Amino acid sequence: MMASKVLLAILLLAVATPTSLAAIDVAQMLADKPQYATFLRLLKETKVADDVSRLKSASVLVVPEKAVKPLLAVPAAKQRTILQHHVLIKYFDPIQLGEMKTNVAKLETMLSNTDKDMGTIDYSKDKDGQMYLRSPGADSVAKLVKVVAARPFTVSIMEISAPLLCPKLLGPGAAGAAAGRPKGKGKGKIKTMSADEGAAAAAPTA
């Protein structure tokens, strides 16, 4: 029942999202959503929005105004890399994530072509169904909040509760700008995943 409600919400968002079928236009998909205005501005300024338009499929993890401040503290030279770290190179939505064979997985970002270790985000699902995302080496996690806009199986835009600030991508000293550990039970939900678990999670479900 819950899965069908999520699917219906995604389909309704897809109908309401005025995007061209020829390209992924994140700027257009977020144009009428002021709650993500700063994140969208950063996507444009760093040219990551242009990068996304050249992908065949993508999932963009956006941060709302109330949680975006740590991103503004990232050094200008690192902002493009950090924004690319918020773009998965495959389409995901909560249904697909929830149907994976394991409750942990490594999801590839735009950085995966140049850095296999730092080009992933750790995904975990708690027993209560709450989904979490974490940058490699980070001691804090972000909750997956909701689907903001979608064109099923091509592009999804999903809100997360905090920026994904990878310490190794930020470099020495810069990681201190990282912001905000989620309160409550967000901390510590990401498990270390073995190679076998990674292969199982990546395998398509029947």
N, C-alpha and C. Protein backbone atom coordinates (compact mmCIF):
# COMPACT_ATOMS: atom_id res chain seq x y z
N MET A 1 0.83 -1.20 0.00
CA MET A 1 0.00 0.00 0.00
C MET A 1 0.86 1.25 0.00
N MET A 2 1.90 1.26 0.88
CA MET A 2 2.78 2.42 0.94
C MET A 2 3.51 2.62 -0.38
N ALA A 3 3.98 1.52 -0.98
CA ALA A 3 4.70 1.62 -2.26
C ALA A 3 3.80 2.20 -3.35
N SER A 4 2.54 1.78 -3.36
CA SER A 4 1.63 2.29 -4.39
C SER A 4 1.36 3.77 -4.20
N LYS A 5 1.30 4.23 -2.94
CA LYS A 5 1.10 5.65 -2.68
C LYS A 5 2.30 6.46 -3.15
N VAL A 6 3.51 5.93 -2.89
CA VAL A 6 4.72 6.63 -3.34
C VAL A 6 4.76 6.69 -4.85
N LEU A 7 4.43 5.57 -5.51
CA LEU A 7 4.43 5.54 -6.97
C LEU A 7 3.43 6.54 -7.53
N LEU A 8 2.24 6.62 -6.95
CA LEU A 8 1.24 7.57 -7.40
C LEU A 8 1.75 9.00 -7.25
N ALA A 9 2.41 9.28 -6.13
CA ALA A 9 2.95 10.62 -5.90
C ALA A 9 4.00 10.97 -6.95
N ILE A 10 4.86 10.00 -7.29
CA ILE A 10 5.90 10.22 -8.29
C ILE A 10 5.27 10.49 -9.65
N LEU A 11 4.26 9.71 -10.01
CA LEU A 11 3.61 9.89 -11.30
C LEU A 11 2.92 11.25 -11.39
N LEU A 12 2.31 11.67 -10.29
CA LEU A 12 1.66 12.98 -10.27
C LEU A 12 2.69 14.10 -10.41
N LEU A 13 3.83 13.93 -9.75
CA LEU A 13 4.90 14.91 -9.87
C LEU A 13 5.42 14.96 -11.30
N ALA A 14 5.50 13.81 -11.94
CA ALA A 14 5.98 13.76 -13.31
C ALA A 14 5.05 14.51 -14.24
N VAL A 15 3.75 14.35 -14.04
CA VAL A 15 2.77 15.06 -14.87
C VAL A 15 2.87 16.56 -14.65
N ALA A 16 3.15 16.94 -13.40
CA ALA A 16 3.16 18.36 -13.06
C ALA A 16 4.50 19.03 -13.35
N THR A 17 5.50 18.24 -13.78
CA THR A 17 6.82 18.79 -14.01
C THR A 17 7.02 19.10 -15.48
N PRO A 18 7.10 20.38 -15.87
CA PRO A 18 7.19 20.75 -17.29
C PRO A 18 8.60 20.60 -17.83
N THR A 19 9.02 19.37 -18.11
CA THR A 19 10.37 19.14 -18.61
C THR A 19 10.34 18.62 -20.03
N SER A 20 11.37 18.96 -20.78
CA SER A 20 11.50 18.45 -22.13
C SER A 20 11.87 16.98 -22.08
N LEU A 21 11.30 16.20 -23.00
CA LEU A 21 11.64 14.79 -23.06
C LEU A 21 13.02 14.57 -23.65
N ALA A 22 13.59 15.59 -24.26
CA ALA A 22 14.87 15.43 -24.95
C ALA A 22 16.06 15.56 -24.02
N ALA A 23 15.92 16.24 -22.89
CA ALA A 23 17.07 16.48 -22.01
C ALA A 23 16.60 16.60 -20.58
N ILE A 24 17.54 16.41 -19.67
CA ILE A 24 17.25 16.57 -18.25
C ILE A 24 17.51 18.03 -17.89
N ASP A 25 16.47 18.77 -17.61
CA ASP A 25 16.60 20.20 -17.30
C ASP A 25 16.25 20.42 -15.83
N VAL A 26 17.26 20.29 -14.98
CA VAL A 26 17.05 20.44 -13.54
C VAL A 26 16.59 21.85 -13.20
N ALA A 27 17.14 22.84 -13.88
CA ALA A 27 16.77 24.23 -13.61
C ALA A 27 15.28 24.45 -13.85
N GLN A 28 14.77 23.89 -14.91
CA GLN A 28 13.35 24.03 -15.20
C GLN A 28 12.49 23.28 -14.18
N MET A 29 12.95 22.11 -13.78
CA MET A 29 12.20 21.30 -12.83
C MET A 29 12.10 21.96 -11.46
N LEU A 30 13.10 22.78 -11.13
CA LEU A 30 13.12 23.44 -9.82
C LEU A 30 12.73 24.92 -9.89
N ALA A 31 12.43 25.40 -11.07
CA ALA A 31 12.19 26.84 -11.27
C ALA A 31 11.07 27.39 -10.40
N ASP A 32 10.03 26.60 -10.17
CA ASP A 32 8.89 27.09 -9.40
C ASP A 32 8.91 26.59 -7.95
N LYS A 33 10.11 26.25 -7.45
CA LYS A 33 10.23 25.72 -6.10
C LYS A 33 11.25 26.56 -5.32
N PRO A 34 10.81 27.70 -4.77
CA PRO A 34 11.74 28.61 -4.09
C PRO A 34 12.43 27.99 -2.87
N GLN A 35 11.88 26.92 -2.34
CA GLN A 35 12.50 26.29 -1.17
C GLN A 35 13.85 25.65 -1.50
N TYR A 36 14.18 25.57 -2.82
CA TYR A 36 15.48 25.03 -3.23
C TYR A 36 16.26 26.06 -4.05
N ALA A 37 15.94 27.32 -3.90
CA ALA A 37 16.51 28.37 -4.75
C ALA A 37 18.03 28.46 -4.63
N THR A 38 18.56 28.38 -3.42
CA THR A 38 20.01 28.50 -3.25
C THR A 38 20.73 27.30 -3.85
N PHE A 39 20.19 26.11 -3.63
CA PHE A 39 20.81 24.92 -4.19
C PHE A 39 20.80 24.99 -5.71
N LEU A 40 19.69 25.45 -6.28
CA LEU A 40 19.61 25.59 -7.73
C LEU A 40 20.61 26.62 -8.24
N ARG A 41 20.75 27.72 -7.51
CA ARG A 41 21.74 28.74 -7.92
C ARG A 41 23.14 28.14 -7.95
N LEU A 42 23.48 27.32 -6.96
CA LEU A 42 24.79 26.69 -6.93
C LEU A 42 24.96 25.70 -8.09
N LEU A 43 23.90 24.96 -8.41
CA LEU A 43 23.97 24.05 -9.55
C LEU A 43 24.27 24.80 -10.84
N LYS A 44 23.66 25.96 -11.00
CA LYS A 44 23.89 26.77 -12.20
C LYS A 44 25.29 27.37 -12.21
N GLU A 45 25.69 27.97 -11.08
CA GLU A 45 26.98 28.66 -11.01
C GLU A 45 28.15 27.71 -11.22
N THR A 46 28.03 26.49 -10.73
CA THR A 46 29.12 25.51 -10.87
C THR A 46 29.04 24.74 -12.19
N LYS A 47 27.99 25.00 -12.98
CA LYS A 47 27.78 24.32 -14.27
C LYS A 47 27.39 22.85 -14.10
N VAL A 48 27.11 22.44 -12.88
CA VAL A 48 26.68 21.05 -12.67
C VAL A 48 25.32 20.80 -13.31
N ALA A 49 24.47 21.82 -13.33
CA ALA A 49 23.17 21.68 -14.01
C ALA A 49 23.37 21.34 -15.48
N ASP A 50 24.37 21.95 -16.11
CA ASP A 50 24.69 21.64 -17.50
C ASP A 50 25.20 20.21 -17.64
N ASP A 51 26.02 19.78 -16.68
CA ASP A 51 26.53 18.41 -16.70
C ASP A 51 25.39 17.39 -16.63
N VAL A 52 24.41 17.68 -15.77
CA VAL A 52 23.29 16.76 -15.60
C VAL A 52 22.49 16.64 -16.89
N SER A 53 22.39 17.73 -17.63
CA SER A 53 21.60 17.72 -18.87
C SER A 53 22.17 16.77 -19.91
N ARG A 54 23.44 16.40 -19.75
CA ARG A 54 24.07 15.49 -20.70
C ARG A 54 23.99 14.02 -20.29
N LEU A 55 23.42 13.77 -19.13
CA LEU A 55 23.27 12.39 -18.66
C LEU A 55 22.01 11.75 -19.24
N LYS A 56 22.05 10.45 -19.40
CA LYS A 56 20.87 9.72 -19.89
C LYS A 56 19.86 9.52 -18.76
N SER A 57 20.36 9.41 -17.54
CA SER A 57 19.49 9.30 -16.37
C SER A 57 20.23 9.86 -15.17
N ALA A 58 19.48 10.33 -14.18
CA ALA A 58 20.11 10.95 -13.02
C ALA A 58 19.13 11.04 -11.86
N SER A 59 19.70 11.12 -10.68
CA SER A 59 18.93 11.42 -9.47
C SER A 59 19.67 12.54 -8.75
N VAL A 60 19.01 13.67 -8.60
CA VAL A 60 19.65 14.84 -7.99
C VAL A 60 19.15 14.97 -6.56
N LEU A 61 20.09 15.05 -5.63
CA LEU A 61 19.77 15.15 -4.21
C LEU A 61 19.87 16.61 -3.79
N VAL A 62 18.74 17.24 -3.54
CA VAL A 62 18.72 18.68 -3.27
C VAL A 62 18.52 18.95 -1.79
N VAL A 63 19.01 20.12 -1.38
CA VAL A 63 18.95 20.53 0.02
C VAL A 63 18.07 21.78 0.11
N PRO A 64 17.11 21.81 1.04
CA PRO A 64 16.23 22.98 1.15
C PRO A 64 16.94 24.16 1.79
N GLU A 65 16.32 25.32 1.68
CA GLU A 65 16.91 26.56 2.20
C GLU A 65 17.30 26.45 3.67
N LYS A 66 16.48 25.78 4.46
CA LYS A 66 16.74 25.73 5.90
C LYS A 66 17.99 24.93 6.25
N ALA A 67 18.52 24.14 5.29
CA ALA A 67 19.67 23.30 5.58
C ALA A 67 20.86 23.56 4.66
N VAL A 68 20.76 24.58 3.80
CA VAL A 68 21.77 24.77 2.76
C VAL A 68 23.01 25.54 3.22
N LYS A 69 22.96 26.17 4.37
CA LYS A 69 24.06 27.03 4.82
C LYS A 69 25.44 26.37 4.77
N PRO A 70 25.60 25.11 5.19
CA PRO A 70 26.92 24.48 5.13
C PRO A 70 27.51 24.44 3.72
N LEU A 71 26.66 24.32 2.72
CA LEU A 71 27.16 24.31 1.34
C LEU A 71 27.78 25.66 0.97
N LEU A 72 27.21 26.73 1.50
CA LEU A 72 27.73 28.07 1.21
C LEU A 72 29.09 28.29 1.85
N ALA A 73 29.41 27.48 2.88
CA ALA A 73 30.70 27.60 3.54
C ALA A 73 31.78 26.79 2.85
N VAL A 74 31.42 26.00 1.86
CA VAL A 74 32.40 25.21 1.11
C VAL A 74 33.24 26.15 0.26
N PRO A 75 34.57 26.02 0.26
CA PRO A 75 35.42 26.88 -0.57
C PRO A 75 34.98 26.84 -2.03
N ALA A 76 35.05 27.97 -2.70
CA ALA A 76 34.58 28.08 -4.08
C ALA A 76 35.23 27.03 -4.99
N ALA A 77 36.51 26.74 -4.73
CA ALA A 77 37.22 25.78 -5.58
C ALA A 77 36.69 24.36 -5.41
N LYS A 78 35.96 24.11 -4.33
CA LYS A 78 35.46 22.76 -4.05
C LYS A 78 33.97 22.62 -4.35
N GLN A 79 33.28 23.73 -4.59
CA GLN A 79 31.82 23.67 -4.70
C GLN A 79 31.35 22.80 -5.86
N ARG A 80 32.02 22.90 -7.00
CA ARG A 80 31.60 22.09 -8.14
C ARG A 80 31.70 20.59 -7.82
N THR A 81 32.81 20.20 -7.20
CA THR A 81 32.99 18.79 -6.85
C THR A 81 31.92 18.33 -5.87
N ILE A 82 31.64 19.15 -4.88
CA ILE A 82 30.63 18.78 -3.88
C ILE A 82 29.25 18.70 -4.51
N LEU A 83 28.94 19.60 -5.43
CA LEU A 83 27.63 19.54 -6.10
C LEU A 83 27.54 18.29 -6.98
N GLN A 84 28.62 17.91 -7.64
CA GLN A 84 28.61 16.68 -8.44
C GLN A 84 28.39 15.45 -7.55
N HIS A 85 28.83 15.56 -6.32
CA HIS A 85 28.65 14.48 -5.34
C HIS A 85 27.17 14.30 -4.96
N HIS A 86 26.36 15.29 -5.28
CA HIS A 86 24.92 15.23 -5.00
C HIS A 86 24.11 14.74 -6.20
N VAL A 87 24.79 14.27 -7.24
CA VAL A 87 24.10 13.79 -8.44
C VAL A 87 24.43 12.32 -8.66
N LEU A 88 23.43 11.46 -8.56
CA LEU A 88 23.60 10.04 -8.86
C LEU A 88 23.44 9.84 -10.36
N ILE A 89 24.21 8.94 -10.94
CA ILE A 89 24.20 8.79 -12.39
C ILE A 89 23.19 7.75 -12.87
N LYS A 90 22.32 7.32 -11.99
CA LYS A 90 21.21 6.44 -12.37
C LYS A 90 19.93 6.98 -11.76
N TYR A 91 18.82 6.58 -12.33
CA TYR A 91 17.52 6.98 -11.78
C TYR A 91 17.21 6.13 -10.56
N PHE A 92 16.86 6.81 -9.47
CA PHE A 92 16.38 6.15 -8.26
C PHE A 92 15.16 6.90 -7.74
N ASP A 93 14.28 6.17 -7.11
CA ASP A 93 13.20 6.77 -6.34
C ASP A 93 13.03 5.89 -5.10
N PRO A 94 12.23 6.31 -4.12
CA PRO A 94 12.11 5.53 -2.89
C PRO A 94 11.65 4.09 -3.10
N ILE A 95 10.84 3.85 -4.13
CA ILE A 95 10.39 2.49 -4.40
C ILE A 95 11.57 1.63 -4.84
N GLN A 96 12.35 2.12 -5.82
CA GLN A 96 13.50 1.35 -6.28
C GLN A 96 14.51 1.11 -5.17
N LEU A 97 14.77 2.13 -4.38
CA LEU A 97 15.70 1.97 -3.27
C LEU A 97 15.18 0.95 -2.26
N GLY A 98 13.90 1.03 -1.97
CA GLY A 98 13.31 0.13 -1.00
C GLY A 98 13.26 -1.31 -1.45
N GLU A 99 13.29 -1.55 -2.77
CA GLU A 99 13.20 -2.90 -3.30
C GLU A 99 14.55 -3.54 -3.56
N MET A 100 15.64 -2.85 -3.23
CA MET A 100 16.96 -3.45 -3.40
C MET A 100 17.10 -4.67 -2.49
N LYS A 101 17.97 -5.60 -2.87
CA LYS A 101 18.07 -6.88 -2.17
C LYS A 101 18.71 -6.76 -0.80
N THR A 102 19.42 -5.67 -0.54
CA THR A 102 20.00 -5.45 0.77
C THR A 102 19.57 -4.07 1.27
N ASN A 103 19.77 -3.85 2.56
CA ASN A 103 19.41 -2.56 3.14
C ASN A 103 20.57 -1.57 3.12
N VAL A 104 21.67 -1.96 2.50
CA VAL A 104 22.81 -1.06 2.34
C VAL A 104 23.29 -1.15 0.91
N ALA A 105 23.81 -0.06 0.38
CA ALA A 105 24.34 -0.06 -0.99
C ALA A 105 25.24 1.14 -1.18
N LYS A 106 26.09 1.06 -2.20
CA LYS A 106 26.89 2.20 -2.62
C LYS A 106 26.32 2.70 -3.94
N LEU A 107 25.90 3.96 -3.96
CA LEU A 107 25.28 4.56 -5.14
C LEU A 107 26.30 5.45 -5.83
N GLU A 108 26.47 5.27 -7.14
CA GLU A 108 27.49 6.01 -7.88
C GLU A 108 27.04 7.43 -8.19
N THR A 109 27.96 8.38 -8.00
CA THR A 109 27.70 9.78 -8.31
C THR A 109 28.43 10.17 -9.59
N MET A 110 28.31 11.43 -9.97
CA MET A 110 28.99 11.93 -11.15
C MET A 110 30.51 11.84 -11.04
N LEU A 111 31.02 11.70 -9.83
CA LEU A 111 32.46 11.63 -9.62
C LEU A 111 33.02 10.22 -9.83
N SER A 112 32.14 9.25 -10.05
CA SER A 112 32.59 7.85 -10.10
C SER A 112 33.52 7.57 -11.28
N ASN A 113 33.45 8.37 -12.33
CA ASN A 113 34.32 8.15 -13.49
C ASN A 113 35.77 8.52 -13.20
N THR A 114 35.97 9.40 -12.23
CA THR A 114 37.33 9.86 -11.93
C THR A 114 37.83 9.38 -10.58
N ASP A 115 36.94 8.99 -9.67
CA ASP A 115 37.35 8.55 -8.34
C ASP A 115 36.38 7.50 -7.84
N LYS A 116 36.76 6.24 -7.94
CA LYS A 116 35.85 5.15 -7.56
C LYS A 116 35.54 5.15 -6.08
N ASP A 117 36.49 5.56 -5.24
CA ASP A 117 36.26 5.56 -3.80
C ASP A 117 35.37 6.72 -3.36
N MET A 118 35.69 7.92 -3.86
CA MET A 118 34.93 9.10 -3.46
C MET A 118 33.72 9.33 -4.37
N GLY A 119 33.60 8.52 -5.42
CA GLY A 119 32.50 8.71 -6.36
C GLY A 119 31.25 7.93 -6.01
N THR A 120 31.09 7.63 -4.73
CA THR A 120 29.90 6.91 -4.29
C THR A 120 29.31 7.57 -3.05
N ILE A 121 28.06 7.24 -2.80
CA ILE A 121 27.37 7.64 -1.57
C ILE A 121 26.85 6.36 -0.91
N ASP A 122 27.00 6.27 0.39
CA ASP A 122 26.49 5.11 1.13
C ASP A 122 25.00 5.28 1.39
N TYR A 123 24.24 4.26 1.04
CA TYR A 123 22.79 4.25 1.27
C TYR A 123 22.47 3.20 2.32
N SER A 124 21.52 3.51 3.19
CA SER A 124 21.07 2.55 4.20
C SER A 124 19.59 2.75 4.49
N LYS A 125 18.90 1.65 4.73
CA LYS A 125 17.49 1.73 5.12
C LYS A 125 17.33 1.12 6.50
N ASP A 126 16.69 1.86 7.39
CA ASP A 126 16.47 1.41 8.76
C ASP A 126 15.29 0.44 8.80
N LYS A 127 15.13 -0.21 9.93
CA LYS A 127 14.03 -1.17 10.09
C LYS A 127 12.66 -0.52 9.94
N ASP A 128 12.58 0.78 10.29
CA ASP A 128 11.29 1.47 10.19
C ASP A 128 11.04 2.02 8.79
N GLY A 129 11.96 1.75 7.85
CA GLY A 129 11.78 2.20 6.47
C GLY A 129 12.46 3.51 6.14
N GLN A 130 12.93 4.25 7.16
CA GLN A 130 13.62 5.52 6.90
C GLN A 130 14.92 5.25 6.14
N MET A 131 15.16 6.05 5.12
CA MET A 131 16.35 5.89 4.28
C MET A 131 17.36 6.99 4.59
N TYR A 132 18.65 6.61 4.57
CA TYR A 132 19.73 7.52 4.91
C TYR A 132 20.79 7.50 3.82
N LEU A 133 21.50 8.61 3.69
CA LEU A 133 22.61 8.73 2.75
C LEU A 133 23.80 9.35 3.48
N ARG A 134 25.00 8.89 3.13
CA ARG A 134 26.19 9.42 3.80
C ARG A 134 27.36 9.46 2.83
N SER A 135 28.15 10.50 2.91
CA SER A 135 29.38 10.59 2.13
C SER A 135 30.43 9.68 2.73
N PRO A 136 31.34 9.14 1.90
CA PRO A 136 32.42 8.30 2.42
C PRO A 136 33.24 9.05 3.47
N GLY A 137 33.41 8.43 4.63
CA GLY A 137 34.23 9.03 5.68
C GLY A 137 33.53 10.04 6.55
N ALA A 138 32.31 10.41 6.22
CA ALA A 138 31.59 11.41 7.03
C ALA A 138 31.03 10.75 8.29
N ASP A 139 30.92 11.53 9.36
CA ASP A 139 30.38 10.98 10.60
C ASP A 139 28.91 11.37 10.80
N SER A 140 28.32 11.97 9.79
CA SER A 140 26.91 12.33 9.89
C SER A 140 26.18 11.85 8.64
N VAL A 141 24.89 11.67 8.77
CA VAL A 141 24.09 11.17 7.66
C VAL A 141 22.96 12.16 7.34
N ALA A 142 22.42 12.02 6.15
CA ALA A 142 21.26 12.81 5.74
C ALA A 142 20.09 11.87 5.53
N LYS A 143 18.92 12.31 5.94
CA LYS A 143 17.72 11.54 5.69
C LYS A 143 17.18 11.83 4.30
N LEU A 144 16.67 10.81 3.64
CA LEU A 144 15.94 11.00 2.39
C LEU A 144 14.53 11.45 2.77
N VAL A 145 14.16 12.66 2.37
CA VAL A 145 12.91 13.25 2.85
C VAL A 145 11.74 12.97 1.92
N LYS A 146 11.88 13.30 0.63
CA LYS A 146 10.76 13.14 -0.29
C LYS A 146 11.22 13.32 -1.73
N VAL A 147 10.36 12.91 -2.66
CA VAL A 147 10.57 13.19 -4.07
C VAL A 147 10.01 14.58 -4.36
N VAL A 148 10.83 15.43 -4.97
CA VAL A 148 10.43 16.80 -5.28
C VAL A 148 9.83 16.89 -6.68
N ALA A 149 10.47 16.22 -7.63
CA ALA A 149 10.01 16.19 -9.02
C ALA A 149 10.60 14.95 -9.67
N ALA A 150 9.95 14.48 -10.72
CA ALA A 150 10.44 13.26 -11.36
C ALA A 150 9.92 13.11 -12.78
N ARG A 151 10.73 12.47 -13.59
CA ARG A 151 10.28 11.91 -14.85
C ARG A 151 10.68 10.43 -14.76
N PRO A 152 9.75 9.57 -14.37
CA PRO A 152 10.09 8.19 -14.01
C PRO A 152 11.05 7.51 -14.98
N PHE A 153 12.08 6.92 -14.37
CA PHE A 153 13.11 6.13 -15.04
C PHE A 153 14.11 6.99 -15.84
N THR A 154 13.94 8.31 -15.80
CA THR A 154 14.92 9.19 -16.44
C THR A 154 15.57 10.11 -15.41
N VAL A 155 14.78 10.87 -14.68
CA VAL A 155 15.34 11.79 -13.70
C VAL A 155 14.41 11.92 -12.50
N SER A 156 15.03 11.94 -11.32
CA SER A 156 14.29 12.25 -10.10
C SER A 156 15.06 13.31 -9.33
N ILE A 157 14.33 14.16 -8.65
CA ILE A 157 14.92 15.14 -7.75
C ILE A 157 14.36 14.85 -6.38
N MET A 158 15.25 14.52 -5.44
CA MET A 158 14.82 14.12 -4.10
C MET A 158 15.45 15.02 -3.05
N GLU A 159 14.64 15.43 -2.09
CA GLU A 159 15.14 16.27 -1.00
C GLU A 159 15.82 15.42 0.06
N ILE A 160 16.97 15.90 0.54
CA ILE A 160 17.64 15.28 1.67
C ILE A 160 17.74 16.31 2.80
N SER A 161 17.93 15.83 4.01
CA SER A 161 17.83 16.71 5.17
C SER A 161 19.06 17.56 5.42
N ALA A 162 20.19 17.19 4.82
CA ALA A 162 21.45 17.93 5.04
C ALA A 162 22.37 17.68 3.86
N PRO A 163 23.32 18.59 3.62
CA PRO A 163 24.26 18.39 2.51
C PRO A 163 25.14 17.16 2.74
N LEU A 164 25.61 16.57 1.65
CA LEU A 164 26.54 15.45 1.70
C LEU A 164 27.94 16.00 1.53
N LEU A 165 28.63 16.20 2.63
CA LEU A 165 29.94 16.84 2.61
C LEU A 165 31.02 15.80 2.91
N CYS A 166 31.67 15.34 1.87
CA CYS A 166 32.69 14.31 1.98
C CYS A 166 34.00 14.93 2.48
N PRO A 167 34.52 14.49 3.63
CA PRO A 167 35.74 15.10 4.18
C PRO A 167 36.92 15.06 3.21
N LYS A 168 37.10 13.94 2.48
CA LYS A 168 38.24 13.83 1.58
C LYS A 168 38.09 14.74 0.36
N LEU A 169 36.86 14.98 -0.05
CA LEU A 169 36.64 15.89 -1.18
C LEU A 169 36.86 17.34 -0.76
N LEU A 170 36.51 17.64 0.48
CA LEU A 170 36.67 19.01 0.98
C LEU A 170 38.13 19.34 1.23
N GLY A 171 38.90 18.34 1.67
CA GLY A 171 40.31 18.57 1.93
C GLY A 171 40.56 18.99 3.37
N PRO A 172 41.84 18.99 3.80
CA PRO A 172 42.19 19.33 5.19
C PRO A 172 41.67 20.70 5.59
N GLY A 173 41.07 20.74 6.76
CA GLY A 173 40.59 22.03 7.29
C GLY A 173 39.23 22.43 6.80
N ALA A 174 38.91 22.10 5.56
CA ALA A 174 37.63 22.53 5.00
C ALA A 174 36.46 21.73 5.54
N ALA A 175 36.73 20.50 5.97
CA ALA A 175 35.65 19.65 6.45
C ALA A 175 35.00 20.22 7.69
N GLY A 176 35.70 21.09 8.41
CA GLY A 176 35.11 21.68 9.60
C GLY A 176 33.92 22.53 9.29
N ALA A 177 33.82 22.99 8.05
CA ALA A 177 32.67 23.78 7.63
C ALA A 177 31.45 22.90 7.48
N ALA A 178 31.68 21.61 7.53
CA ALA A 178 30.61 20.70 7.29
C ALA A 178 29.58 20.84 8.33
N ALA A 179 28.66 20.72 8.02
CA ALA A 179 27.61 21.12 8.83
C ALA A 179 26.94 20.01 9.49
N GLY A 180 26.11 20.17 10.07
CA GLY A 180 25.07 19.65 10.76
C GLY A 180 24.78 18.20 10.83
N ARG A 181 25.08 17.58 11.92
CA ARG A 181 24.71 16.19 12.08
C ARG A 181 23.22 16.12 12.39
N PRO A 182 22.46 15.24 11.72
CA PRO A 182 21.04 15.13 12.03
C PRO A 182 20.82 14.71 13.47
N LYS A 183 19.83 15.28 14.09
CA LYS A 183 19.51 14.92 15.47
C LYS A 183 18.78 13.59 15.49
N GLY A 184 18.78 12.99 16.68
CA GLY A 184 18.01 11.76 16.83
C GLY A 184 18.75 10.56 16.29
N LYS A 185 18.02 9.68 15.64
CA LYS A 185 18.58 8.39 15.30
C LYS A 185 19.25 8.36 13.95
N GLY A 186 19.56 9.49 13.37
CA GLY A 186 20.23 9.47 12.08
C GLY A 186 21.64 8.94 12.16
N LYS A 187 22.35 9.20 13.25
CA LYS A 187 23.75 8.84 13.34
C LYS A 187 23.90 7.33 13.46
N GLY A 188 24.88 6.81 12.71
CA GLY A 188 25.26 5.43 12.90
C GLY A 188 24.42 4.40 12.20
N LYS A 189 23.52 4.81 11.32
CA LYS A 189 22.66 3.85 10.65
C LYS A 189 23.32 3.24 9.41
N ILE A 190 24.41 3.82 8.95
CA ILE A 190 25.08 3.29 7.77
C ILE A 190 26.02 2.17 8.20
N LYS A 191 25.89 1.01 7.61
CA LYS A 191 26.76 -0.12 7.90
C LYS A 191 27.86 -0.20 6.86
N THR A 192 28.95 -0.87 7.22
CA THR A 192 30.00 -1.13 6.25
C THR A 192 29.55 -2.27 5.37
N MET A 193 29.64 -2.09 4.06
CA MET A 193 29.12 -3.07 3.12
C MET A 193 30.26 -3.85 2.50
N SER A 194 30.11 -5.15 2.47
CA SER A 194 31.12 -6.00 1.84
C SER A 194 30.98 -5.97 0.34
N ALA A 195 31.98 -6.50 -0.37
CA ALA A 195 31.93 -6.55 -1.82
C ALA A 195 30.75 -7.41 -2.29
N ASP A 196 30.49 -8.51 -1.57
CA ASP A 196 29.39 -9.39 -1.94
C ASP A 196 28.05 -8.68 -1.78
N GLU A 197 27.90 -7.91 -0.71
CA GLU A 197 26.66 -7.16 -0.50
C GLU A 197 26.49 -6.11 -1.58
N GLY A 198 27.58 -5.47 -1.99
CA GLY A 198 27.50 -4.47 -3.04
C GLY A 198 27.03 -5.06 -4.34
N ALA A 199 27.54 -6.24 -4.67
CA ALA A 199 27.12 -6.90 -5.90
C ALA A 199 25.66 -7.30 -5.84
N ALA A 200 25.23 -7.77 -4.66
CA ALA A 200 23.82 -8.17 -4.50
C ALA A 200 22.89 -6.99 -4.61
N ALA A 201 23.30 -5.86 -4.01
CA ALA A 201 22.45 -4.67 -4.05
C ALA A 201 22.33 -4.12 -5.45
N ALA A 202 23.39 -4.27 -6.22
CA ALA A 202 23.38 -3.73 -7.58
C ALA A 202 22.60 -4.62 -8.55
N ALA A 203 22.38 -5.88 -8.16
CA ALA A 203 21.70 -6.80 -9.06
C ALA A 203 20.23 -6.43 -9.18
N PRO A 204 19.65 -6.53 -10.37
CA PRO A 204 18.24 -6.21 -10.55
C PRO A 204 17.36 -7.18 -9.81
N THR A 205 16.25 -6.68 -9.29
CA THR A 205 15.31 -7.56 -8.60
C THR A 205 14.45 -8.28 -9.61
N ALA A 206 13.92 -9.40 -9.20
CA ALA A 206 13.12 -10.22 -10.11
C ALA A 206 11.78 -9.56 -10.37
